Amino acid sequence: MSLINDYLKELISSGIVLTLWFILRMLFAKVVLNYAKHNQNIEHRTNLVLKYINILLNIIVFISLIIIWGVQTADIFITISSVATVIGVAMFAQWSILSNVTSGMILFFSFPFKIGDTIKIHDKDFPIEAEIIDINAFHVNLKTADGERIVYPNNLLLQKGISIIDIPRTEHEFFD
């Protein structure tokens, strides 16, 4: 019983942080899902954005709990700055990864095209006209009229001009 009394403040603070974490996860999920439903976005991309938001919330909650339970703030900042430095150097070496993830987020929220659209990428060296098969965090899968599959990085989609080609679809009757 003495142990609970000694750490009552930390236990209550931890409970509040965990309750806020739960409420924020539910709130962000509801907002993103409503946004996706309102804009008729693809469920796969919605889940990807929710995953990123949940990772960020988990990191914030983890740091908050460490601070609540008495780890020295200076030690946390030294650890975070060391990790950030290593990640920064790694990302500088692999900036395209971060660029593609950021572009994937921009494509989710601006949503200029969707799976099934046929697009034309205006690249003077390598123009592409293809149907979008899938949109991922790092790249878009395309399929040309010749059946060629192309994996195109998200960051290049934001850098190049894109035309969405309206191809009339004919209704087919399917038989068993």
C-alpha atoms as a PDB file:
ATOM      1  CA  MET A   1       0.000   0.000   0.000  1.00  0.00           C
ATOM      2  CA  SER A   2       2.909   2.296   0.701  1.00  0.00           C
ATOM      3  CA  LEU A   3       4.202   1.771  -2.820  1.00  0.00           C
ATOM      4  CA  ILE A   4       0.916   3.026  -4.309  1.00  0.00           C
ATOM      5  CA  ASN A   5       0.954   6.084  -2.022  1.00  0.00           C
ATOM      6  CA  ASP A   6       4.558   6.842  -2.962  1.00  0.00           C
ATOM      7  CA  TYR A   7       3.790   6.799  -6.688  1.00  0.00           C
ATOM      8  CA  LEU A   8       0.171   8.021  -6.651  1.00  0.00           C
ATOM      9  CA  LYS A   9       0.995  11.207  -8.580  1.00  0.00           C
ATOM     10  CA  GLU A  10       2.855   9.239 -11.283  1.00  0.00           C
ATOM     11  CA  LEU A  11       0.086   6.636 -11.520  1.00  0.00           C
ATOM     12  CA  ILE A  12      -2.625   9.283 -11.905  1.00  0.00           C
ATOM     13  CA  SER A  13      -0.539  11.201 -14.478  1.00  0.00           C
ATOM     14  CA  SER A  14       0.139   7.992 -16.406  1.00  0.00           C
ATOM     15  CA  GLY A  15      -3.560   7.163 -16.373  1.00  0.00           C
ATOM     16  CA  ILE A  16      -4.403  10.619 -17.722  1.00  0.00           C
ATOM     17  CA  VAL A  17      -1.767  10.331 -20.483  1.00  0.00           C
ATOM     18  CA  LEU A  18      -2.981   6.860 -21.490  1.00  0.00           C
ATOM     19  CA  THR A  19      -6.610   8.037 -21.480  1.00  0.00           C
ATOM     20  CA  LEU A  20      -5.682  11.028 -23.671  1.00  0.00           C
ATOM     21  CA  TRP A  21      -3.724   8.694 -25.947  1.00  0.00           C
ATOM     22  CA  PHE A  22      -6.773   6.439 -26.354  1.00  0.00           C
ATOM     23  CA  ILE A  23      -9.119   9.395 -26.997  1.00  0.00           C
ATOM     24  CA  LEU A  24      -6.712  11.005 -29.500  1.00  0.00           C
ATOM     25  CA  ARG A  25      -6.291   7.726 -31.402  1.00  0.00           C
ATOM     26  CA  MET A  26     -10.067   7.384 -31.683  1.00  0.00           C
ATOM     27  CA  LEU A  27     -10.483  11.056 -32.604  1.00  0.00           C
ATOM     28  CA  PHE A  28      -7.759  11.033 -35.284  1.00  0.00           C
ATOM     29  CA  ALA A  29      -9.107   7.760 -36.700  1.00  0.00           C
ATOM     30  CA  LYS A  30     -12.593   9.228 -36.930  1.00  0.00           C
ATOM     31  CA  VAL A  31     -11.362  12.470 -38.552  1.00  0.00           C
ATOM     32  CA  VAL A  32      -9.187  10.681 -41.126  1.00  0.00           C
ATOM     33  CA  LEU A  33     -11.890   8.113 -41.935  1.00  0.00           C
ATOM     34  CA  ASN A  34     -14.498  10.866 -42.325  1.00  0.00           C
ATOM     35  CA  TYR A  35     -12.116  12.796 -44.565  1.00  0.00           C
ATOM     36  CA  ALA A  36     -11.481   9.683 -46.653  1.00  0.00           C
ATOM     37  CA  LYS A  37     -15.195   8.872 -46.872  1.00  0.00           C
ATOM     38  CA  HIS A  38     -16.066  12.450 -47.815  1.00  0.00           C
ATOM     39  CA  ASN A  39     -13.417  12.479 -50.554  1.00  0.00           C
ATOM     40  CA  GLN A  40     -14.000   8.838 -51.553  1.00  0.00           C
ATOM     41  CA  ASN A  41     -10.391   7.857 -50.909  1.00  0.00           C
ATOM     42  CA  ILE A  42      -8.982   4.369 -51.062  1.00  0.00           C
ATOM     43  CA  GLU A  43      -9.062   2.435 -47.778  1.00  0.00           C
ATOM     44  CA  HIS A  44      -5.441   1.278 -48.211  1.00  0.00           C
ATOM     45  CA  ARG A  45      -4.162   4.854 -48.205  1.00  0.00           C
ATOM     46  CA  THR A  46      -6.412   5.778 -45.287  1.00  0.00           C
ATOM     47  CA  ASN A  47      -4.926   2.973 -43.213  1.00  0.00           C
ATOM     48  CA  LEU A  48      -1.431   4.139 -44.140  1.00  0.00           C
ATOM     49  CA  VAL A  49      -2.105   7.674 -42.865  1.00  0.00           C
ATOM     50  CA  LEU A  50      -3.644   6.261 -39.676  1.00  0.00           C
ATOM     51  CA  LYS A  51      -0.530   4.148 -39.192  1.00  0.00           C
ATOM     52  CA  TYR A  52       1.720   7.233 -39.431  1.00  0.00           C
ATOM     53  CA  ILE A  53      -0.464   9.187 -37.001  1.00  0.00           C
ATOM     54  CA  ASN A  54      -0.509   6.287 -34.519  1.00  0.00           C
ATOM     55  CA  ILE A  55       3.274   5.955 -34.652  1.00  0.00           C
ATOM     56  CA  LEU A  56       3.637   9.675 -33.888  1.00  0.00           C
ATOM     57  CA  LEU A  57       1.134   9.452 -31.009  1.00  0.00           C
ATOM     58  CA  ASN A  58       2.903   6.393 -29.588  1.00  0.00           C
ATOM     59  CA  ILE A  59       6.245   8.203 -29.608  1.00  0.00           C
ATOM     60  CA  ILE A  60       4.744  11.239 -27.858  1.00  0.00           C
ATOM     61  CA  VAL A  61       3.052   9.049 -25.212  1.00  0.00           C
ATOM     62  CA  PHE A  62       6.249   7.054 -24.651  1.00  0.00           C
ATOM     63  CA  ILE A  63       8.266  10.241 -24.084  1.00  0.00           C
ATOM     64  CA  SER A  64       5.533  11.626 -21.797  1.00  0.00           C
ATOM     65  CA  LEU A  65       5.525   8.483 -19.652  1.00  0.00           C
ATOM     66  CA  ILE A  66       9.310   8.551 -19.382  1.00  0.00           C
ATOM     67  CA  ILE A  67       9.161  12.149 -18.154  1.00  0.00           C
ATOM     68  CA  ILE A  68       6.329  11.367 -15.706  1.00  0.00           C
ATOM     69  CA  TRP A  69       8.254   8.498 -14.152  1.00  0.00           C
ATOM     70  CA  GLY A  70      11.283  10.632 -13.409  1.00  0.00           C
ATOM     71  CA  VAL A  71      13.808  10.137 -16.143  1.00  0.00           C
ATOM     72  CA  GLN A  72      15.848  13.310 -16.301  1.00  0.00           C
ATOM     73  CA  THR A  73      14.786  15.628 -19.119  1.00  0.00           C
ATOM     74  CA  ALA A  74      18.411  16.309 -20.070  1.00  0.00           C
ATOM     75  CA  ASP A  75      18.997  12.575 -20.548  1.00  0.00           C
ATOM     76  CA  ILE A  76      15.921  12.315 -22.776  1.00  0.00           C
ATOM     77  CA  PHE A  77      17.027  15.252 -24.915  1.00  0.00           C
ATOM     78  CA  ILE A  78      20.536  13.836 -25.272  1.00  0.00           C
ATOM     79  CA  THR A  79      19.105  10.479 -26.347  1.00  0.00           C
ATOM     80  CA  ILE A  80      16.605  12.057 -28.741  1.00  0.00           C
ATOM     81  CA  SER A  81      19.215  14.359 -30.254  1.00  0.00           C
ATOM     82  CA  SER A  82      21.608  11.427 -30.720  1.00  0.00           C
ATOM     83  CA  VAL A  83      18.929   9.314 -32.372  1.00  0.00           C
ATOM     84  CA  ALA A  84      17.810  12.280 -34.506  1.00  0.00           C
ATOM     85  CA  THR A  85      21.400  12.864 -35.606  1.00  0.00           C
ATOM     86  CA  VAL A  86      21.841   9.258 -36.664  1.00  0.00           C
ATOM     87  CA  ILE A  87      18.480   9.277 -38.448  1.00  0.00           C
ATOM     88  CA  GLY A  88      19.303  12.641 -40.033  1.00  0.00           C
ATOM     89  CA  VAL A  89      22.592  11.341 -41.412  1.00  0.00           C
ATOM     90  CA  ALA A  90      20.881   8.188 -42.650  1.00  0.00           C
ATOM     91  CA  MET A  91      18.059  10.184 -44.215  1.00  0.00           C
ATOM     92  CA  PHE A  92      20.505  12.563 -45.844  1.00  0.00           C
ATOM     93  CA  ALA A  93      22.122   9.548 -47.417  1.00  0.00           C
ATOM     94  CA  GLN A  94      18.688   8.201 -48.351  1.00  0.00           C
ATOM     95  CA  TRP A  95      16.674  11.424 -48.737  1.00  0.00           C
ATOM     96  CA  SER A  96      14.494   9.856 -51.415  1.00  0.00           C
ATOM     97  CA  ILE A  97      12.894   7.570 -48.819  1.00  0.00           C
ATOM     98  CA  LEU A  98      11.740  10.526 -46.735  1.00  0.00           C
ATOM     99  CA  SER A  99      10.760  12.389 -49.891  1.00  0.00           C
ATOM    100  CA  ASN A 100       8.631   9.476 -51.099  1.00  0.00           C
ATOM    101  CA  VAL A 101       6.876   9.064 -47.741  1.00  0.00           C
ATOM    102  CA  THR A 102       6.140  12.797 -47.603  1.00  0.00           C
ATOM    103  CA  SER A 103       4.910  12.715 -51.192  1.00  0.00           C
ATOM    104  CA  GLY A 104       2.699   9.743 -50.339  1.00  0.00           C
ATOM    105  CA  MET A 105       1.091  11.796 -47.559  1.00  0.00           C
ATOM    106  CA  ILE A 106       0.578  14.755 -49.918  1.00  0.00           C
ATOM    107  CA  LEU A 107      -0.948  12.470 -52.543  1.00  0.00           C
ATOM    108  CA  PHE A 108      -3.304  11.091 -49.892  1.00  0.00           C
ATOM    109  CA  PHE A 109      -4.615  14.484 -48.817  1.00  0.00           C
ATOM    110  CA  SER A 110      -4.689  16.166 -52.234  1.00  0.00           C
ATOM    111  CA  PHE A 111      -5.802  12.942 -53.984  1.00  0.00           C
ATOM    112  CA  PRO A 112      -5.480  14.071 -57.617  1.00  0.00           C
ATOM    113  CA  PHE A 113      -6.002  10.524 -58.963  1.00  0.00           C
ATOM    114  CA  LYS A 114      -7.130   7.115 -57.785  1.00  0.00           C
ATOM    115  CA  ILE A 115      -6.580   3.446 -58.506  1.00  0.00           C
ATOM    116  CA  GLY A 116      -8.006   2.606 -61.912  1.00  0.00           C
ATOM    117  CA  ASP A 117      -7.296   6.039 -63.446  1.00  0.00           C
ATOM    118  CA  THR A 118      -5.185   6.189 -66.568  1.00  0.00           C
ATOM    119  CA  ILE A 119      -2.554   8.904 -66.324  1.00  0.00           C
ATOM    120  CA  LYS A 120       0.045  10.409 -68.602  1.00  0.00           C
ATOM    121  CA  ILE A 121       3.308  11.474 -66.974  1.00  0.00           C
ATOM    122  CA  HIS A 122       4.859  14.366 -68.911  1.00  0.00           C
ATOM    123  CA  ASP A 123       8.544  13.533 -68.797  1.00  0.00           C
ATOM    124  CA  LYS A 124      10.534  14.619 -71.854  1.00  0.00           C
ATOM    125  CA  ASP A 125      13.001  11.735 -71.498  1.00  0.00           C
ATOM    126  CA  PHE A 126      10.597   8.973 -70.506  1.00  0.00           C
ATOM    127  CA  PRO A 127       6.889   9.803 -71.014  1.00  0.00           C
ATOM    128  CA  ILE A 128       4.521   7.230 -69.557  1.00  0.00           C
ATOM    129  CA  GLU A 129       0.869   6.544 -70.168  1.00  0.00           C
ATOM    130  CA  ALA A 130      -0.462   3.872 -67.841  1.00  0.00           C
ATOM    131  CA  GLU A 131      -3.240   2.787 -65.529  1.00  0.00           C
ATOM    132  CA  ILE A 132      -2.742   3.118 -61.770  1.00  0.00           C
ATOM    133  CA  ILE A 133      -2.833  -0.361 -60.233  1.00  0.00           C
ATOM    134  CA  ASP A 134      -1.882   0.499 -56.638  1.00  0.00           C
ATOM    135  CA  ILE A 135      -0.734   3.489 -54.572  1.00  0.00           C
ATOM    136  CA  ASN A 136       1.709   2.764 -51.725  1.00  0.00           C
ATOM    137  CA  ALA A 137       3.667   4.851 -49.231  1.00  0.00           C
ATOM    138  CA  PHE A 138       6.781   4.984 -51.416  1.00  0.00           C
ATOM    139  CA  HIS A 139       5.609   4.379 -54.973  1.00  0.00           C
ATOM    140  CA  VAL A 140       2.742   3.962 -57.411  1.00  0.00           C
ATOM    141  CA  ASN A 141       2.321   0.751 -59.431  1.00  0.00           C
ATOM    142  CA  LEU A 142       1.397   1.424 -63.049  1.00  0.00           C
ATOM    143  CA  LYS A 143       0.448  -0.843 -65.934  1.00  0.00           C
ATOM    144  CA  THR A 144       0.855   0.291 -69.546  1.00  0.00           C
ATOM    145  CA  ALA A 145      -1.407  -0.715 -72.440  1.00  0.00           C
ATOM    146  CA  ASP A 146       1.354  -3.156 -73.500  1.00  0.00           C
ATOM    147  CA  GLY A 147       1.111  -4.912 -70.120  1.00  0.00           C
ATOM    148  CA  GLU A 148       4.387  -3.478 -68.816  1.00  0.00           C
ATOM    149  CA  ARG A 149       4.398  -2.920 -65.043  1.00  0.00           C
ATOM    150  CA  ILE A 150       6.112   0.236 -63.821  1.00  0.00           C
ATOM    151  CA  VAL A 151       6.942   1.150 -60.230  1.00  0.00           C
ATOM    152  CA  TYR A 152       7.040   4.962 -60.124  1.00  0.00           C
ATOM    153  CA  PRO A 153       8.274   6.882 -57.041  1.00  0.00           C
ATOM    154  CA  ASN A 154       5.755   9.192 -55.357  1.00  0.00           C
ATOM    155  CA  ASN A 155       8.139  12.146 -55.242  1.00  0.00           C
ATOM    156  CA  LEU A 156       8.477  12.102 -59.044  1.00  0.00           C
ATOM    157  CA  LEU A 157       4.686  12.207 -59.401  1.00  0.00           C
ATOM    158  CA  LEU A 158       4.714  15.543 -57.593  1.00  0.00           C
ATOM    159  CA  GLN A 159       7.627  16.860 -59.679  1.00  0.00           C
ATOM    160  CA  LYS A 160       6.293  15.914 -63.115  1.00  0.00           C
ATOM    161  CA  GLY A 161       3.215  17.118 -64.910  1.00  0.00           C
ATOM    162  CA  ILE A 162       0.411  14.559 -64.816  1.00  0.00           C
ATOM    163  CA  SER A 163      -2.659  14.333 -67.037  1.00  0.00           C
ATOM    164  CA  ILE A 164      -5.576  12.162 -66.020  1.00  0.00           C
ATOM    165  CA  ILE A 165      -6.919  10.563 -69.182  1.00  0.00           C
ATOM    166  CA  ASP A 166     -10.633   9.945 -69.293  1.00  0.00           C
ATOM    167  CA  ILE A 167     -11.072   6.573 -70.947  1.00  0.00           C
ATOM    168  CA  PRO A 168     -14.689   5.576 -71.553  1.00  0.00           C
ATOM    169  CA  ARG A 169     -15.381   2.229 -69.975  1.00  0.00           C
ATOM    170  CA  THR A 170     -17.726  -0.190 -71.675  1.00  0.00           C
ATOM    171  CA  GLU A 171     -20.024  -2.264 -69.544  1.00  0.00           C
ATOM    172  CA  HIS A 172     -19.565  -5.996 -70.050  1.00  0.00           C
ATOM    173  CA  GLU A 173     -22.023  -8.679 -69.165  1.00  0.00           C
ATOM    174  CA  PHE A 174     -20.419 -11.493 -67.221  1.00  0.00           C
ATOM    175  CA  PHE A 175     -21.652 -15.042 -67.417  1.00  0.00           C
ATOM    176  CA  ASP A 176     -20.977 -18.010 -65.164  1.00  0.00           C
END
